[in-house]
PDB file of N, CA and C in Angstrom:
ATOM      1  N   MET A   1       0.732  -1.212  -0.064  1.00  0.00           N
ATOM      2  CA  MET A   1      -0.049  -0.063   0.050  1.00  0.00           C
ATOM      3  C   MET A   1       0.903   1.322   0.101  1.00  0.00           C
ATOM      4  N   PRO A   2       0.529   2.052  -0.841  1.00  0.00           N
ATOM      5  CA  PRO A   2       1.248   3.417  -0.943  1.00  0.00           C
ATOM      6  C   PRO A   2       1.008   4.097   0.456  1.00  0.00           C
ATOM      7  N   ASN A   3       2.077   4.894   0.834  1.00  0.00           N
ATOM      8  CA  ASN A   3       1.788   5.712   2.252  1.00  0.00           C
ATOM      9  C   ASN A   3       2.446   7.056   1.982  1.00  0.00           C
ATOM     10  N   PRO A   4       1.702   8.238   2.448  1.00  0.00           N
ATOM     11  CA  PRO A   4       2.513   9.443   2.281  1.00  0.00           C
ATOM     12  C   PRO A   4       3.748   9.501   2.521  1.00  0.00           C
ATOM     13  N   LYS A   5       4.617  10.281   1.918  1.00  0.00           N
ATOM     14  CA  LYS A   5       5.829  10.342   2.323  1.00  0.00           C
ATOM     15  C   LYS A   5       6.060  11.808   3.316  1.00  0.00           C
ATOM     16  N   HIS A   6       5.289  12.721   3.243  1.00  0.00           N
ATOM     17  CA  HIS A   6       5.358  13.831   3.854  1.00  0.00           C
ATOM     18  C   HIS A   6       3.794  14.216   4.596  1.00  0.00           C
ATOM     19  N   LYS A   7       4.078  14.934   5.601  1.00  0.00           N
ATOM     20  CA  LYS A   7       2.845  15.297   6.436  1.00  0.00           C
ATOM     21  C   LYS A   7       1.820  16.231   5.693  1.00  0.00           C
ATOM     22  N   ILE A   8       0.531  16.084   5.650  1.00  0.00           N
ATOM     23  CA  ILE A   8      -0.204  16.904   4.773  1.00  0.00           C
ATOM     24  C   ILE A   8      -0.783  17.903   5.816  1.00  0.00           C
ATOM     25  N   SER A   9      -0.605  18.985   5.604  1.00  0.00           N
ATOM     26  CA  SER A   9      -0.783  20.130   6.518  1.00  0.00           C
ATOM     27  C   SER A   9      -2.436  20.445   6.706  1.00  0.00           C
ATOM     28  N   LYS A  10      -2.820  20.864   8.046  1.00  0.00           N
ATOM     29  CA  LYS A  10      -4.132  21.115   8.190  1.00  0.00           C
ATOM     30  C   LYS A  10      -4.900  22.059   7.197  1.00  0.00           C
ATOM     31  N   ALA A  11      -4.220  22.940   6.719  1.00  0.00           N
ATOM     32  CA  ALA A  11      -4.694  23.763   5.711  1.00  0.00           C
ATOM     33  C   ALA A  11      -5.085  23.188   4.309  1.00  0.00           C
ATOM     34  N   ARG A  12      -4.118  22.267   3.795  1.00  0.00           N
ATOM     35  CA  ARG A  12      -4.290  21.688   2.681  1.00  0.00           C
ATOM     36  C   ARG A  12      -5.555  20.732   2.752  1.00  0.00           C
ATOM     37  N   ARG A  13      -5.390  20.035   3.988  1.00  0.00           N
ATOM     38  CA  ARG A  13      -6.717  19.048   3.994  1.00  0.00           C
ATOM     39  C   ARG A  13      -7.940  19.761   4.239  1.00  0.00           C
ATOM     40  N   ASP A  14      -8.106  20.848   4.973  1.00  0.00           N
ATOM     41  CA  ASP A  14      -9.299  21.583   5.233  1.00  0.00           C
ATOM     42  C   ASP A  14      -9.687  22.202   3.592  1.00  0.00           C
ATOM     43  N   LYS A  15      -8.788  22.729   2.873  1.00  0.00           N
ATOM     44  CA  LYS A  15      -8.972  23.197   1.578  1.00  0.00           C
ATOM     45  C   LYS A  15      -9.897  22.133   0.810  1.00  0.00           C
ATOM     46  N   ARG A  16      -9.201  20.891   0.892  1.00  0.00           N
ATOM     47  CA  ARG A  16      -9.843  19.818   0.018  1.00  0.00           C
ATOM     48  C   ARG A  16     -11.210  19.316   0.604  1.00  0.00           C
ATOM     49  N   ARG A  17     -11.335  19.744   1.895  1.00  0.00           N
ATOM     50  CA  ARG A  17     -12.709  19.366   2.412  1.00  0.00           C
ATOM     51  C   ARG A  17     -13.592  20.573   2.252  1.00  0.00           C
ATOM     52  N   ALA A  18     -13.334  21.693   1.904  1.00  0.00           N
ATOM     53  CA  ALA A  18     -14.031  22.917   1.984  1.00  0.00           C
ATOM     54  C   ALA A  18     -15.318  22.635   0.800  1.00  0.00           C
ATOM     55  N   ASN A  19     -15.045  21.612  -0.149  1.00  0.00           N
ATOM     56  CA  ASN A  19     -16.248  21.871  -1.238  1.00  0.00           C
ATOM     57  C   ASN A  19     -17.203  20.474  -0.937  1.00  0.00           C
ATOM     58  N   VAL A  20     -16.922  20.044   0.335  1.00  0.00           N
ATOM     59  CA  VAL A  20     -17.862  18.800   0.654  1.00  0.00           C
ATOM     60  C   VAL A  20     -18.821  19.327   1.632  1.00  0.00           C
ATOM     61  N   LYS A  21     -20.140  19.684   0.976  1.00  0.00           N
ATOM     62  CA  LYS A  21     -21.010  20.413   1.986  1.00  0.00           C
ATOM     63  C   LYS A  21     -22.428  19.978   1.657  1.00  0.00           C
ATOM     64  N   LEU A  22     -23.488  20.254   2.419  1.00  0.00           N
ATOM     65  CA  LEU A  22     -24.772  19.902   2.039  1.00  0.00           C
ATOM     66  C   LEU A  22     -25.327  20.989   1.328  1.00  0.00           C
ATOM     67  N   SER A  23     -26.239  20.753   0.382  1.00  0.00           N
ATOM     68  CA  SER A  23     -26.956  21.755  -0.282  1.00  0.00           C
ATOM     69  C   SER A  23     -28.492  21.549  -0.089  1.00  0.00           C
ATOM     70  N   ARG A  24     -29.298  22.627  -0.145  1.00  0.00           N
ATOM     71  CA  ARG A  24     -30.740  22.505   0.019  1.00  0.00           C
ATOM     72  C   ARG A  24     -31.245  21.860  -1.156  1.00  0.00           C
ATOM     73  N   PRO A  25     -32.271  21.171  -0.884  1.00  0.00           N
ATOM     74  CA  PRO A  25     -32.845  20.428  -2.149  1.00  0.00           C
ATOM     75  C   PRO A  25     -33.548  21.354  -2.996  1.00  0.00           C
ATOM     76  N   ASN A  26     -33.669  21.200  -4.235  1.00  0.00           N
ATOM     77  CA  ASN A  26     -34.329  21.858  -5.099  1.00  0.00           C
ATOM     78  C   ASN A  26     -35.769  21.532  -5.007  1.00  0.00           C
ATOM     79  N   LEU A  27     -36.670  22.766  -4.703  1.00  0.00           N
ATOM     80  CA  LEU A  27     -38.148  22.401  -4.866  1.00  0.00           C
ATOM     81  C   LEU A  27     -38.637  22.942  -6.108  1.00  0.00           C
ATOM     82  N   SER A  28     -39.817  22.230  -6.474  1.00  0.00           N
ATOM     83  CA  SER A  28     -40.807  22.770  -7.472  1.00  0.00           C
ATOM     84  C   SER A  28     -42.395  22.876  -6.990  1.00  0.00           C
ATOM     85  N   ILE A  29     -43.067  23.524  -7.498  1.00  0.00           N
ATOM     86  CA  ILE A  29     -44.374  23.928  -7.106  1.00  0.00           C
ATOM     87  C   ILE A  29     -45.249  22.842  -7.711  1.00  0.00           C
ATOM     88  N   CYS A  30     -46.116  22.336  -6.865  1.00  0.00           N
ATOM     89  CA  CYS A  30     -47.159  21.329  -7.413  1.00  0.00           C
ATOM     90  C   CYS A  30     -48.309  22.062  -8.112  1.00  0.00           C
ATOM     91  N   PRO A  31     -48.513  21.794  -9.190  1.00  0.00           N
ATOM     92  CA  PRO A  31     -49.489  22.280 -10.049  1.00  0.00           C
ATOM     93  C   PRO A  31     -50.931  22.196  -9.494  1.00  0.00           C
ATOM     94  N   GLN A  32     -51.388  21.344  -8.794  1.00  0.00           N
ATOM     95  CA  GLN A  32     -52.591  21.065  -8.250  1.00  0.00           C
ATOM     96  C   GLN A  32     -52.814  21.908  -6.987  1.00  0.00           C
ATOM     97  N   CYS A  33     -51.868  21.828  -5.730  1.00  0.00           N
ATOM     98  CA  CYS A  33     -52.211  22.386  -4.569  1.00  0.00           C
ATOM     99  C   CYS A  33     -51.273  23.558  -4.241  1.00  0.00           C
ATOM    100  N   MET A  34     -50.253  23.952  -5.386  1.00  0.00           N
ATOM    101  CA  MET A  34     -49.551  24.999  -5.121  1.00  0.00           C
ATOM    102  C   MET A  34     -48.473  24.755  -3.882  1.00  0.00           C
ATOM    103  N   GLU A  35     -48.266  23.657  -3.317  1.00  0.00           N
ATOM    104  CA  GLU A  35     -47.403  23.435  -2.285  1.00  0.00           C
ATOM    105  C   GLU A  35     -45.999  22.926  -2.827  1.00  0.00           C
ATOM    106  N   PRO A  36     -44.708  23.255  -2.188  1.00  0.00           N
ATOM    107  CA  PRO A  36     -43.533  22.914  -2.651  1.00  0.00           C
ATOM    108  C   PRO A  36     -43.425  21.443  -2.370  1.00  0.00           C
ATOM    109  N   LYS A  37     -42.720  20.787  -3.503  1.00  0.00           N
ATOM    110  CA  LYS A  37     -42.434  19.424  -3.513  1.00  0.00           C
ATOM    111  C   LYS A  37     -41.063  19.192  -4.243  1.00  0.00           C
ATOM    112  N   LEU A  38     -40.635  17.885  -3.985  1.00  0.00           N
ATOM    113  CA  LEU A  38     -39.319  17.390  -4.768  1.00  0.00           C
ATOM    114  C   LEU A  38     -39.778  17.331  -6.268  1.00  0.00           C
ATOM    115  N   PRO A  39     -38.982  17.557  -7.186  1.00  0.00           N
ATOM    116  CA  PRO A  39     -39.444  17.341  -8.442  1.00  0.00           C
ATOM    117  C   PRO A  39     -39.245  15.876  -8.675  1.00  0.00           C
ATOM    118  N   HIS A  40     -40.127  15.340  -9.612  1.00  0.00           N
ATOM    119  CA  HIS A  40     -40.164  14.050  -9.920  1.00  0.00           C
ATOM    120  C   HIS A  40     -40.596  13.063  -8.994  1.00  0.00           C
ATOM    121  N   TYR A  41     -41.428  13.561  -8.028  1.00  0.00           N
ATOM    122  CA  TYR A  41     -41.788  12.701  -6.843  1.00  0.00           C
ATOM    123  C   TYR A  41     -43.361  13.183  -6.676  1.00  0.00           C
ATOM    124  N   VAL A  42     -44.079  12.247  -6.058  1.00  0.00           N
ATOM    125  CA  VAL A  42     -45.261  12.389  -5.721  1.00  0.00           C
ATOM    126  C   VAL A  42     -45.640  13.571  -4.823  1.00  0.00           C
ATOM    127  N   CYS A  43     -46.486  14.238  -5.017  1.00  0.00           N
ATOM    128  CA  CYS A  43     -46.709  15.476  -4.001  1.00  0.00           C
ATOM    129  C   CYS A  43     -47.378  14.626  -2.865  1.00  0.00           C
ATOM    130  N   LEU A  44     -46.818  15.186  -1.515  1.00  0.00           N
ATOM    131  CA  LEU A  44     -47.016  14.541  -0.470  1.00  0.00           C
ATOM    132  C   LEU A  44     -48.601  15.261   0.334  1.00  0.00           C
ATOM    133  N   SER A  45     -48.816  16.336  -0.311  1.00  0.00           N
ATOM    134  CA  SER A  45     -49.916  17.014   0.449  1.00  0.00           C
ATOM    135  C   SER A  45     -51.188  16.783  -0.450  1.00  0.00           C
ATOM    136  N   CYS A  46     -51.139  16.540  -1.704  1.00  0.00           N
ATOM    137  CA  CYS A  46     -52.530  16.021  -2.491  1.00  0.00           C
ATOM    138  C   CYS A  46     -52.427  14.958  -2.960  1.00  0.00           C
ATOM    139  N   GLY A  47     -51.117  14.237  -3.209  1.00  0.00           N
ATOM    140  CA  GLY A  47     -50.874  12.895  -3.801  1.00  0.00           C
ATOM    141  C   GLY A  47     -51.042  12.574  -5.139  1.00  0.00           C
ATOM    142  N   THR A  48     -50.790  13.752  -5.817  1.00  0.00           N
ATOM    143  CA  THR A  48     -50.603  13.768  -7.436  1.00  0.00           C
ATOM    144  C   THR A  48     -49.260  13.600  -8.009  1.00  0.00           C
ATOM    145  N   TYR A  49     -49.222  13.250  -9.277  1.00  0.00           N
ATOM    146  CA  TYR A  49     -47.941  13.353  -9.970  1.00  0.00           C
ATOM    147  C   TYR A  49     -48.453  13.251 -11.416  1.00  0.00           C
ATOM    148  N   LYS A  50     -47.998  14.383 -11.988  1.00  0.00           N
ATOM    149  CA  LYS A  50     -48.333  14.714 -13.481  1.00  0.00           C
ATOM    150  C   LYS A  50     -49.772  14.899 -13.722  1.00  0.00           C
ATOM    151  N   GLY A  51     -50.458  15.373 -12.796  1.00  0.00           N
ATOM    152  CA  GLY A  51     -51.687  15.579 -12.779  1.00  0.00           C
ATOM    153  C   GLY A  51     -52.779  14.414 -12.590  1.00  0.00           C
ATOM    154  N   LYS A  52     -52.154  13.186 -12.275  1.00  0.00           N
ATOM    155  CA  LYS A  52     -52.786  12.057 -11.940  1.00  0.00           C
ATOM    156  C   LYS A  52     -52.697  11.818 -10.567  1.00  0.00           C
ATOM    157  N   GLU A  53     -53.812  11.414  -9.904  1.00  0.00           N
ATOM    158  CA  GLU A  53     -53.818  10.960  -8.368  1.00  0.00           C
ATOM    159  C   GLU A  53     -52.970   9.534  -8.276  1.00  0.00           C
ATOM    160  N   MET A  54     -52.105   9.614  -7.598  1.00  0.00           N
ATOM    161  CA  MET A  54     -51.267   8.295  -7.218  1.00  0.00           C
ATOM    162  C   MET A  54     -51.465   7.613  -6.072  1.00  0.00           C
ATOM    163  N   ILE A  55     -51.595   8.490  -5.039  1.00  0.00           N
ATOM    164  CA  ILE A  55     -51.896   7.970  -3.607  1.00  0.00           C
ATOM    165  C   ILE A  55     -53.196   8.756  -2.936  1.00  0.00           C
ATOM    166  N   THR A  56     -53.709   8.237  -2.244  1.00  0.00           N
ATOM    167  CA  THR A  56     -54.927   8.875  -1.692  1.00  0.00           C
ATOM    168  C   THR A  56     -54.382   9.648  -0.212  1.00  0.00           C
ATOM    169  N   ILE A  57     -54.682  10.687   0.101  1.00  0.00           N
ATOM    170  CA  ILE A  57     -54.300  11.478   1.287  1.00  0.00           C
ATOM    171  C   ILE A  57     -55.478  11.433   2.176  1.00  0.00           C
ATOM    172  N   LYS A  58     -55.322  10.914   3.273  1.00  0.00           N
ATOM    173  CA  LYS A  58     -56.368  11.079   4.507  1.00  0.00           C
ATOM    174  C   LYS A  58     -56.259  12.317   5.034  1.00  0.00           C
ATOM    175  N   GLU A  59     -57.408  13.026   5.129  1.00  0.00           N
ATOM    176  CA  GLU A  59     -57.664  14.236   5.841  1.00  0.00           C
ATOM    177  C   GLU A  59     -57.821  14.178   7.258  1.00  0.00           C
ATOM    178  N   VAL A  60     -57.045  14.707   8.208  1.00  0.00           N
ATOM    179  CA  VAL A  60     -57.442  14.532   9.508  1.00  0.00           C
ATOM    180  C   VAL A  60     -58.315  15.763  10.215  1.00  0.00           C
TER     181      VAL A  60
END
């Protein structure tokens, strides 16, 4: 196994890790109920996908 020949400084290590971060999910608007939803997913508030009802949502 290859091993490092020199110590990697904390600054160099942290520069490499600076690009690894969480990003907010992109949301789209449901055309039926105007609630935000994930694109290409069934809307969890009204249960439709591409204008068709996929799941039934029980209203409490």
